[in-house]
Protein backbone atom coordinates (compact mmCIF):
# COMPACT_ATOMS: atom_id res chain seq x y z
CA MET A 1 -14.33 -1.43 22.82
CA ASN A 2 -12.61 1.36 23.71
CA LEU A 3 -12.26 3.92 21.17
CA GLU A 4 -8.58 5.06 21.75
CA ILE A 5 -7.47 1.32 21.99
CA ILE A 6 -8.75 0.78 18.12
CA GLU A 7 -7.09 4.28 17.33
CA THR A 8 -3.63 2.96 18.61
CA ILE A 9 -4.53 -0.13 16.41
CA THR A 10 -5.03 1.41 13.61
CA ASN A 11 -1.82 3.41 13.84
CA PHE A 12 0.26 0.22 14.30
CA SER A 13 -1.89 -1.14 10.99
CA CYS A 14 -1.35 1.70 9.13
CA GLY A 15 2.28 2.15 10.07
CA LEU A 16 2.73 -1.81 8.99
CA ALA A 17 1.66 -0.69 5.98
CA VAL A 18 3.55 2.07 5.06
CA PHE A 19 6.97 0.53 5.94
CA ALA A 20 6.05 -3.01 4.14
CA PHE A 21 5.22 -0.49 1.51
CA THR A 22 8.54 1.30 1.50
CA ILE A 23 10.25 -2.14 1.35
CA ILE A 24 8.75 -3.36 -1.75
CA ALA A 25 11.50 -2.39 -4.23
CA THR A 26 13.91 -4.44 -2.27
CA ALA A 27 11.54 -7.47 -2.20
CA SER A 28 10.85 -7.62 -5.73
CA ARG A 29 14.52 -9.09 -5.85
CA ASN A 30 12.78 -12.17 -4.85
CA PRO A 31 8.90 -13.27 -6.10
CA LYS A 32 7.84 -15.17 -2.93
CA PHE A 33 8.67 -12.34 -0.72
CA GLU A 34 7.48 -9.70 -2.76
CA VAL A 35 4.41 -11.60 -2.80
CA LEU A 36 4.40 -11.86 0.65
CA VAL A 37 4.87 -8.11 1.15
CA GLN A 38 2.19 -7.41 -1.20
CA GLN A 39 -0.25 -9.58 0.76
CA LEU A 40 1.13 -7.81 4.17
CA ILE A 41 -0.13 -4.28 2.66
CA SER A 42 -2.95 -5.22 1.64
CA VAL A 43 -4.55 -6.97 4.49
CA CYS A 44 -3.34 -3.88 6.78
CA CYS A 45 -4.88 -1.62 4.82
CA ILE A 46 -8.15 -3.69 4.34
CA PHE A 47 -8.12 -3.56 8.24
CA SER A 48 -6.74 -0.39 8.83
CA ALA A 49 -9.80 1.00 6.41
CA PHE A 50 -12.27 -1.03 8.75
CA LEU A 51 -10.99 -0.04 11.72
CA LEU A 52 -11.26 3.52 10.76
CA THR A 53 -14.40 2.93 9.06
CA ILE A 54 -15.65 1.78 12.76
CA ILE A 55 -14.15 4.71 14.43
CA ALA A 56 -16.00 7.03 11.85
CA ILE A 57 -19.09 5.25 12.54
CA ASN A 58 -18.74 5.59 16.25
CA GLY A 59 -18.09 9.31 16.05
CA GLY A 60 -14.28 9.26 16.98
CA THR A 61 -11.48 10.76 15.74
CA PHE A 62 -8.28 9.29 14.15
CA TRP A 63 -5.24 12.22 14.86
CA SER A 64 -7.61 14.57 16.50
CA SER A 65 -9.90 15.27 12.91
CA GLU A 66 -13.33 13.63 12.03
CA LYS A 67 -12.65 15.09 8.52
CA LEU A 68 -9.60 13.35 7.77
CA ILE A 69 -10.94 9.63 8.11
CA PRO A 70 -12.91 9.16 5.44
CA PRO A 71 -10.11 10.19 2.95
CA LEU A 72 -7.68 7.68 4.62
CA ILE A 73 -10.08 5.03 4.33
CA ALA A 74 -9.87 6.08 0.35
CA LEU A 75 -6.20 6.03 0.57
CA ASN A 76 -6.26 3.05 2.28
CA LEU A 77 -8.26 0.85 -0.43
CA ILE A 78 -6.00 3.11 -3.70
CA ILE A 79 -2.99 1.50 -1.49
CA MET A 80 -4.36 -1.85 -1.56
CA PHE A 81 -5.21 -2.21 -5.09
CA ALA A 82 -1.80 -0.45 -5.96
CA ALA A 83 0.04 -2.79 -4.13
CA ARG A 84 -0.92 -5.73 -6.11
CA LEU A 85 1.11 -4.51 -9.19
CA ASN A 86 3.89 -6.38 -9.99
CA LEU A 87 7.38 -4.35 -9.89
CA LYS A 88 8.97 -7.21 -11.62
CA GLY A 89 7.06 -9.45 -13.80
CA LYS A 90 5.25 -9.67 -17.37
CA GLN A 91 5.74 -6.62 -19.40
CA VAL A 92 2.20 -5.02 -20.38
CA SER A 93 3.57 -2.04 -22.45
CA GLN A 94 5.09 -4.01 -25.55
CA GLY A 95 6.95 -1.15 -26.17
CA MET A 96 10.65 -0.65 -26.54
CA ASN A 97 12.47 1.08 -22.76
CA PRO A 98 14.67 4.31 -22.60
CA HIS A 99 17.58 0.94 -22.37
CA GLN A 100 16.64 -0.59 -25.35
CA ILE A 101 16.40 2.16 -27.15
CA GLY A 102 20.05 3.25 -26.29
CA ARG A 103 21.14 -0.11 -27.00
CA LEU A 104 20.00 0.30 -30.64
CA ASN A 105 21.92 3.95 -30.64
CA GLN A 106 25.37 2.44 -29.37
CA GLU A 107 25.16 -0.22 -32.13
CA GLU A 108 24.37 2.15 -35.02
């Protein structure tokens, strides 16, 4: 397979992941849609990291750079893990948030 085709597919996959990442806040209004977008981001990032690895192994370049490929692979994997974090869901911190503190101050 031609490396230019792999580069094009990688560009598309990365672009789709970035687009999905930008609409994740909107997607969090609906839990099912949020999960779908999270899964889309994860799949795109894994796929992009895999394709970037193929490009690196075959001595290709991505955006005219060989040195850019390893950081992009790492960034894709980091975004993949970050995409799995819920924007809406169970509160983990168990602490008071600024809104609760403001309400307490108003009540006093």
